Amino acid sequence: MEDFSKSVSPRKVVYPILIGLAVASWMLYRNFDKDSFGFFQWTWIAAFWLLVSIGMMFVRDLAYIIRIRLLTDNELSWKQAFHVIMLWEFSSAVSPSVVGGAGPAIYFLYKEGINSGKSTAVVLTSIFLDEVFFIILVPVMFFVFRGSIFPIDSFGFAAQIQTGLILGYIIIFIYTALIAYALFINPYSFKWLLSNIFLLPILRKRRMKMRKLSNQLIITSNEIKGKPISYWVNSFSATTISWFGRYGVVNFIFMAFFYNTLGYFEHALIIARQLTMWIILLISPTPGGSGVAEFIFSDFLGDLIPNIAYAVPLALLWRLISYYPYLFIGAFILPNWVKRVYAKKSKHKIIH
């Protein structure tokens, strides 16, 4: 419990906020323009589309809640599913993106009464579905937009970003293919392969971690065998809705202030660009990608904004809607959740 408390402590909320604000302040100073906030014209139209933008986060979270109930065969109540998703998002928000919130998510499910094997299976299946969505949609968007899917050269290293994005996609594709093989074909062969690869001297230190991952994949494979096609169709549909809900936040923020300057093509391109942004955010060393997200926003979406000076305030608004709420919701829920699940455990011990 002590290690868990340290990893998702509500006190960690302050770090990503400070990092994000520091980077945004530096960018405002670096590209200062007295007209930076000139696009903020508070009209009924702007208010409407901002509400729709906020609504996209509700859509995203509802889709995740539905998905986790589907993956647990409805063993979680709606309230339990809400708590798990909010705490999962919180743990992701206060952890480096490259680490993620998968470990705490397994713990949250286990404490809500899902056995350890099924908790592992649910989390790994969720991650797998997210990766499948990504590797399917990126080629589709690239086919439609070609080179336009890559960002503009605001900071002078567009070529390096493009190379990194392509390599990142290849790595994610290989990783997902290996996970698919382990889950659906032969998890035991995959365990044997990893065990032998990590006998190499340079990798030996991580051998136990890989064996643990292999065992988790075997558990997950056994859990999902025999699931009907409806299980996968419904779960992947919820995954698709959740991701489009996430991406739609930016689209509707742009609608709020530039509704008469962007067409259908530009809005689809905004989604395509966010797909490539996600690769960088996935490997960010900062909590929840804070600082990195604000920095790359103008590089990826700046050419779709009437004035590049608007990029930093828009990035802050985007993060205010799509990221910061999870910090405060999670910090509010976590203490009461910990009391509830441990009180339930204590009562269980007394009864027995």
Protein backbone atom coordinates (compact mmCIF):
# COMPACT_ATOMS: atom_id res chain seq x y z
CA MET A 1 0.00 0.00 0.00
CA GLU A 2 2.88 2.36 0.73
CA ASP A 3 4.35 1.97 -2.80
CA PHE A 4 0.89 2.47 -4.30
CA SER A 5 0.30 5.62 -2.25
CA LYS A 6 3.60 7.09 -3.41
CA SER A 7 2.90 6.34 -7.09
CA VAL A 8 -0.54 8.00 -7.23
CA SER A 9 -0.42 10.46 -4.35
CA PRO A 10 -2.78 13.45 -4.77
CA ARG A 11 0.20 15.66 -3.88
CA LYS A 12 1.66 14.84 -7.30
CA VAL A 13 -1.03 17.01 -8.91
CA VAL A 14 1.15 20.11 -8.52
CA TYR A 15 4.05 18.84 -10.66
CA PRO A 16 2.35 18.46 -14.07
CA ILE A 17 0.52 21.76 -13.54
CA LEU A 18 3.77 23.59 -12.83
CA ILE A 19 5.55 21.96 -15.78
CA GLY A 20 2.72 22.76 -18.20
CA LEU A 21 2.41 26.37 -17.07
CA ALA A 22 6.19 26.87 -17.11
CA VAL A 23 6.49 25.66 -20.72
CA ALA A 24 3.47 27.69 -21.82
CA SER A 25 4.87 30.82 -20.13
CA TRP A 26 8.23 30.31 -21.83
CA MET A 27 6.53 29.92 -25.22
CA LEU A 28 4.46 33.06 -24.67
CA TYR A 29 7.62 34.96 -23.77
CA ARG A 30 9.56 33.50 -26.72
CA ASN A 31 6.85 34.38 -29.24
CA PHE A 32 5.24 37.33 -27.50
CA ASP A 33 2.51 39.00 -29.51
CA LYS A 34 0.10 41.54 -28.08
CA ASP A 35 -2.63 39.89 -30.16
CA SER A 36 -2.02 36.40 -28.69
CA PHE A 37 -5.41 36.41 -26.96
CA GLY A 38 -7.21 38.35 -29.68
CA PHE A 39 -9.24 35.38 -30.83
CA PHE A 40 -11.09 35.14 -27.48
CA GLN A 41 -14.37 36.71 -28.48
CA TRP A 42 -17.03 35.51 -26.08
CA THR A 43 -20.12 35.06 -28.21
CA TRP A 44 -23.02 32.63 -27.88
CA ILE A 45 -21.52 30.63 -30.73
CA ALA A 46 -18.16 30.38 -28.93
CA ALA A 47 -19.87 29.37 -25.68
CA PHE A 48 -21.91 26.69 -27.48
CA TRP A 49 -18.93 25.05 -29.20
CA LEU A 50 -16.84 25.18 -26.02
CA LEU A 51 -19.64 23.34 -24.22
CA VAL A 52 -19.63 20.77 -27.04
CA SER A 53 -15.85 20.49 -26.64
CA ILE A 54 -16.26 19.78 -22.92
CA GLY A 55 -19.03 17.33 -23.83
CA MET A 56 -16.52 15.38 -25.93
CA MET A 57 -14.67 14.52 -22.73
CA PHE A 58 -17.90 13.19 -21.23
CA VAL A 59 -18.37 11.10 -24.39
CA ARG A 60 -14.82 9.80 -24.09
CA ASP A 61 -15.17 8.88 -20.43
CA LEU A 62 -18.59 7.29 -20.92
CA ALA A 63 -17.18 5.14 -23.74
CA TYR A 64 -14.31 4.05 -21.49
CA ILE A 65 -16.75 3.24 -18.68
CA ILE A 66 -18.90 1.18 -21.05
CA ARG A 67 -15.80 -0.60 -22.37
CA ILE A 68 -14.48 -1.57 -18.95
CA ARG A 69 -17.91 -2.91 -17.98
CA LEU A 70 -17.95 -4.95 -21.20
CA LEU A 71 -14.45 -6.28 -20.57
CA THR A 72 -15.33 -7.26 -17.00
CA ASP A 73 -18.58 -8.93 -18.16
CA ASN A 74 -20.52 -6.25 -16.25
CA GLU A 75 -19.05 -7.34 -12.92
CA LEU A 76 -18.43 -3.66 -12.16
CA SER A 77 -21.37 -1.40 -11.36
CA TRP A 78 -21.60 1.94 -13.16
CA LYS A 79 -20.28 3.68 -10.05
CA GLN A 80 -17.35 1.27 -9.69
CA ALA A 81 -16.52 1.62 -13.38
CA PHE A 82 -16.57 5.42 -13.05
CA HIS A 83 -14.18 5.30 -10.10
CA VAL A 84 -11.79 2.92 -11.87
CA ILE A 85 -11.68 5.03 -15.04
CA MET A 86 -11.21 8.31 -13.17
CA LEU A 87 -8.45 6.82 -11.00
CA TRP A 88 -6.83 5.22 -14.06
CA GLU A 89 -6.81 8.60 -15.80
CA PHE A 90 -5.46 10.23 -12.66
CA SER A 91 -2.61 7.74 -12.33
CA SER A 92 -1.75 8.28 -16.02
CA ALA A 93 -1.87 12.06 -15.52
CA VAL A 94 0.60 12.05 -12.61
CA SER A 95 2.95 9.43 -14.10
CA PRO A 96 5.41 9.87 -16.99
CA SER A 97 3.57 8.99 -20.22
CA VAL A 98 6.21 6.40 -21.05
CA VAL A 99 5.27 4.61 -17.80
CA GLY A 100 1.49 5.02 -18.03
CA GLY A 101 -1.17 3.95 -15.58
CA ALA A 102 -1.55 0.25 -16.40
CA GLY A 103 -0.07 -1.01 -13.11
CA PRO A 104 -2.32 1.08 -10.87
CA ALA A 105 -5.32 0.24 -13.11
CA ILE A 106 -4.88 -3.48 -12.38
CA TYR A 107 -4.76 -2.62 -8.68
CA PHE A 108 -7.93 -0.48 -8.89
CA LEU A 109 -9.85 -3.30 -10.58
CA TYR A 110 -8.58 -5.86 -8.08
CA LYS A 111 -9.68 -3.72 -5.13
CA GLU A 112 -13.12 -3.37 -6.73
CA GLY A 113 -13.56 -7.14 -6.52
CA ILE A 114 -12.23 -8.32 -9.90
CA ASN A 115 -9.82 -11.23 -9.39
CA SER A 116 -6.15 -10.56 -10.17
CA GLY A 117 -6.10 -12.65 -13.35
CA LYS A 118 -9.13 -10.95 -14.83
CA SER A 119 -7.90 -7.50 -13.73
CA THR A 120 -4.70 -8.08 -15.65
CA ALA A 121 -6.64 -9.34 -18.66
CA VAL A 122 -8.97 -6.32 -18.69
CA VAL A 123 -6.14 -3.79 -18.57
CA LEU A 124 -3.98 -5.52 -21.18
CA THR A 125 -6.99 -6.00 -23.47
CA SER A 126 -7.85 -2.30 -23.10
CA ILE A 127 -4.31 -1.33 -24.07
CA PHE A 128 -4.38 -3.77 -26.99
CA LEU A 129 -7.66 -2.29 -28.32
CA ASP A 130 -6.21 1.24 -28.09
CA GLU A 131 -3.14 0.19 -30.04
CA VAL A 132 -5.22 -1.57 -32.71
CA PHE A 133 -7.31 1.57 -33.20
CA PHE A 134 -4.13 3.57 -33.66
CA ILE A 135 -2.36 1.27 -36.11
CA ILE A 136 -5.52 1.02 -38.24
CA LEU A 137 -6.36 4.71 -38.35
CA VAL A 138 -2.87 6.13 -38.99
CA PRO A 139 -2.46 4.44 -42.43
CA VAL A 140 -6.00 5.54 -43.37
CA MET A 141 -5.23 9.14 -42.47
CA PHE A 142 -1.86 8.99 -44.22
CA PHE A 143 -3.53 7.66 -47.39
CA VAL A 144 -6.00 10.58 -47.31
CA PHE A 145 -3.61 13.40 -46.36
CA ARG A 146 -0.19 12.09 -47.44
CA GLY A 147 2.59 14.39 -46.21
CA SER A 148 0.11 16.87 -44.72
CA ILE A 149 -0.30 14.54 -41.75
CA PHE A 150 3.12 15.70 -40.54
CA PRO A 151 3.56 19.01 -38.67
CA ILE A 152 4.83 22.31 -40.01
CA ASP A 153 8.44 23.35 -39.39
CA SER A 154 7.92 25.92 -36.60
CA PHE A 155 11.00 24.96 -34.59
CA GLY A 156 13.36 23.85 -37.36
CA PHE A 157 13.35 20.09 -36.81
CA ALA A 158 10.35 18.85 -38.83
CA ALA A 159 12.48 16.23 -40.63
CA GLN A 160 13.58 14.70 -37.33
CA ILE A 161 9.99 14.70 -36.07
CA GLN A 162 8.80 12.92 -39.22
CA THR A 163 11.51 10.28 -38.88
CA GLY A 164 10.66 9.82 -35.20
CA LEU A 165 6.95 9.50 -35.93
CA ILE A 166 7.52 6.86 -38.61
CA LEU A 167 9.88 4.87 -36.37
CA GLY A 168 7.44 5.25 -33.48
CA TYR A 169 4.60 3.87 -35.59
CA ILE A 170 6.74 0.91 -36.71
CA ILE A 171 7.66 0.12 -33.09
CA ILE A 172 4.01 0.33 -31.99
CA PHE A 173 2.96 -1.88 -34.93
CA ILE A 174 5.57 -4.55 -34.09
CA TYR A 175 4.69 -4.36 -30.39
CA THR A 176 0.96 -4.77 -31.12
CA ALA A 177 1.61 -7.65 -33.54
CA LEU A 178 3.64 -9.47 -30.88
CA ILE A 179 0.92 -8.88 -28.29
CA ALA A 180 -1.70 -10.20 -30.75
CA TYR A 181 0.40 -13.32 -31.33
CA ALA A 182 0.80 -13.86 -27.59
CA LEU A 183 -2.90 -13.30 -26.85
CA PHE A 184 -4.52 -15.21 -29.70
CA ILE A 185 -2.02 -17.75 -31.03
CA ASN A 186 0.66 -19.05 -28.65
CA PRO A 187 1.44 -17.22 -25.40
CA TYR A 188 3.75 -20.01 -24.20
CA SER A 189 6.03 -19.73 -27.23
CA PHE A 190 6.13 -15.99 -26.69
CA LYS A 191 7.19 -16.52 -23.07
CA TRP A 192 9.92 -18.93 -24.18
CA LEU A 193 11.16 -16.41 -26.76
CA LEU A 194 11.31 -13.53 -24.28
CA SER A 195 12.97 -15.66 -21.62
CA ASN A 196 15.78 -16.59 -24.03
CA ILE A 197 16.21 -13.09 -25.46
CA PHE A 198 16.55 -11.65 -21.98
CA LEU A 199 19.29 -14.14 -21.11
CA LEU A 200 21.63 -11.84 -23.05
CA PRO A 201 24.01 -10.05 -20.64
CA ILE A 202 22.86 -6.59 -21.70
CA LEU A 203 19.20 -7.50 -21.02
CA ARG A 204 19.56 -9.88 -18.08
CA LYS A 205 18.59 -7.25 -15.48
CA ARG A 206 15.12 -6.95 -17.04
CA ARG A 207 14.54 -10.71 -17.38
CA MET A 208 12.25 -11.02 -14.36
CA LYS A 209 10.15 -8.08 -15.54
CA MET A 210 9.73 -9.73 -18.95
CA ARG A 211 8.81 -13.06 -17.37
CA LYS A 212 6.15 -11.26 -15.35
CA LEU A 213 4.81 -9.64 -18.54
CA SER A 214 4.79 -13.04 -20.26
CA ASN A 215 2.82 -14.59 -17.40
CA GLN A 216 0.34 -11.71 -17.57
CA LEU A 217 -0.13 -12.33 -21.29
CA ILE A 218 -0.77 -16.04 -20.64
CA ILE A 219 -3.39 -15.15 -18.02
CA THR A 220 -5.00 -12.67 -20.41
CA SER A 221 -4.99 -15.19 -23.26
CA ASN A 222 -6.77 -17.75 -21.09
CA GLU A 223 -9.31 -15.14 -19.97
CA ILE A 224 -10.29 -14.00 -23.47
CA LYS A 225 -10.39 -17.37 -25.19
CA GLY A 226 -13.84 -18.21 -26.41
CA LYS A 227 -15.18 -14.66 -26.19
CA PRO A 228 -17.96 -14.10 -28.74
CA ILE A 229 -17.51 -11.75 -31.70
CA SER A 230 -19.95 -9.32 -30.07
CA TYR A 231 -17.48 -8.91 -27.19
CA TRP A 232 -14.82 -7.62 -29.58
CA VAL A 233 -17.16 -5.60 -31.79
CA ASN A 234 -18.73 -3.79 -28.82
CA SER A 235 -15.39 -3.26 -27.04
CA PHE A 236 -13.70 -1.91 -30.16
CA SER A 237 -16.70 0.31 -30.93
CA ALA A 238 -16.41 1.83 -27.45
CA THR A 239 -12.66 2.25 -28.01
CA THR A 240 -13.26 4.08 -31.32
CA ILE A 241 -15.86 6.40 -29.76
CA SER A 242 -13.55 7.20 -26.84
CA TRP A 243 -10.67 8.17 -29.12
CA PHE A 244 -12.81 10.34 -31.37
CA GLY A 245 -14.20 11.95 -28.23
CA ARG A 246 -10.62 12.74 -27.17
CA TYR A 247 -9.70 14.17 -30.56
CA GLY A 248 -12.97 16.06 -30.95
CA VAL A 249 -12.03 18.40 -28.09
CA VAL A 250 -9.57 20.27 -30.32
CA ASN A 251 -11.95 20.33 -33.28
CA PHE A 252 -14.70 21.99 -31.29
CA ILE A 253 -12.31 24.42 -29.59
CA PHE A 254 -11.36 25.54 -33.10
CA MET A 255 -15.05 25.71 -34.02
CA ALA A 256 -15.64 28.03 -31.06
CA PHE A 257 -13.27 30.68 -32.39
CA PHE A 258 -12.64 29.90 -36.08
CA TYR A 259 -15.92 28.27 -37.14
CA ASN A 260 -16.08 30.26 -40.38
CA THR A 261 -12.48 29.60 -41.48
CA LEU A 262 -12.18 25.79 -41.26
CA GLY A 263 -13.91 23.28 -43.53
CA TYR A 264 -14.47 19.51 -43.33
CA PHE A 265 -11.02 18.81 -44.79
CA GLU A 266 -9.27 20.90 -42.14
CA HIS A 267 -11.23 19.28 -39.31
CA ALA A 268 -10.32 15.81 -40.57
CA LEU A 269 -6.69 16.96 -40.81
CA ILE A 270 -6.83 18.14 -37.17
CA ILE A 271 -7.73 14.57 -36.17
CA ALA A 272 -4.95 13.16 -38.37
CA ARG A 273 -2.40 15.50 -36.82
CA GLN A 274 -3.49 14.53 -33.32
CA LEU A 275 -2.83 10.89 -34.20
CA THR A 276 0.79 11.75 -34.92
CA MET A 277 0.99 13.98 -31.83
CA TRP A 278 -0.03 10.97 -29.76
CA ILE A 279 3.17 9.09 -30.68
CA ILE A 280 5.29 11.83 -29.13
CA LEU A 281 3.05 12.15 -26.08
CA LEU A 282 3.21 8.38 -25.60
CA ILE A 283 6.97 8.51 -24.97
CA SER A 284 6.98 11.75 -22.98
CA PRO A 285 9.09 11.57 -19.79
CA THR A 286 6.91 14.16 -18.04
CA PRO A 287 3.72 13.43 -16.05
CA GLY A 288 0.83 13.05 -18.50
CA GLY A 289 2.93 14.69 -21.22
CA SER A 290 2.74 18.03 -19.40
CA GLY A 291 4.97 20.64 -21.01
CA VAL A 292 5.55 18.44 -24.05
CA ALA A 293 1.89 18.66 -25.12
CA GLU A 294 1.83 22.44 -24.88
CA PHE A 295 5.14 22.66 -26.76
CA ILE A 296 4.18 20.49 -29.75
CA PHE A 297 0.63 21.84 -30.11
CA SER A 298 1.70 24.85 -32.18
CA ASP A 299 4.10 22.74 -34.27
CA PHE A 300 1.41 20.23 -35.22
CA LEU A 301 -1.64 22.48 -35.52
CA GLY A 302 -0.22 25.97 -36.00
CA ASP A 303 -0.83 26.09 -39.77
CA LEU A 304 -4.54 25.47 -39.17
CA ILE A 305 -4.85 28.55 -36.96
CA PRO A 306 -5.34 32.01 -38.54
CA ASN A 307 -2.51 33.43 -36.41
CA ILE A 308 0.31 31.30 -34.98
CA ALA A 309 0.35 33.61 -31.94
CA TYR A 310 -2.96 32.04 -30.89
CA ALA A 311 -1.39 28.57 -30.56
CA VAL A 312 -0.18 28.79 -26.94
CA PRO A 313 -3.47 30.11 -25.45
CA LEU A 314 -5.34 27.46 -27.46
CA ALA A 315 -2.97 24.76 -26.17
CA LEU A 316 -3.65 25.89 -22.60
CA LEU A 317 -7.41 25.82 -23.22
CA TRP A 318 -7.10 22.34 -24.74
CA ARG A 319 -5.21 21.03 -21.72
CA LEU A 320 -7.58 22.81 -19.35
CA ILE A 321 -10.46 20.82 -20.84
CA SER A 322 -8.81 17.49 -21.61
CA TYR A 323 -6.09 17.00 -18.98
CA TYR A 324 -6.26 19.11 -15.82
CA PRO A 325 -9.78 17.97 -14.75
CA TYR A 326 -8.47 14.41 -14.23
CA LEU A 327 -5.83 15.70 -11.83
CA PHE A 328 -8.45 17.27 -9.57
CA ILE A 329 -11.17 14.62 -10.00
CA GLY A 330 -8.67 11.85 -9.22
CA ALA A 331 -7.20 13.72 -6.24
CA PHE A 332 -10.73 14.19 -4.89
CA ILE A 333 -11.87 10.58 -5.45
CA LEU A 334 -8.70 8.74 -4.39
CA PRO A 335 -8.74 9.32 -0.58
CA ASN A 336 -12.41 8.31 -0.24
CA TRP A 337 -11.91 5.34 -2.57
CA VAL A 338 -8.95 4.07 -0.51
CA LYS A 339 -11.01 4.36 2.71
CA ARG A 340 -13.93 2.51 1.10
CA VAL A 341 -12.02 -0.44 -0.35
CA TYR A 342 -9.93 -0.96 2.77
CA ALA A 343 -12.95 -0.60 5.03
CA LYS A 344 -14.64 -3.26 2.93
CA LYS A 345 -11.59 -5.50 3.34
CA SER A 346 -11.59 -5.00 7.12
CA LYS A 347 -15.29 -5.88 7.40
CA HIS A 348 -14.66 -9.01 5.29
CA LYS A 349 -11.93 -10.12 7.73
CA ILE A 350 -14.16 -9.55 10.78
CA ILE A 351 -17.01 -11.60 9.27
CA HIS A 352 -14.67 -14.49 8.61
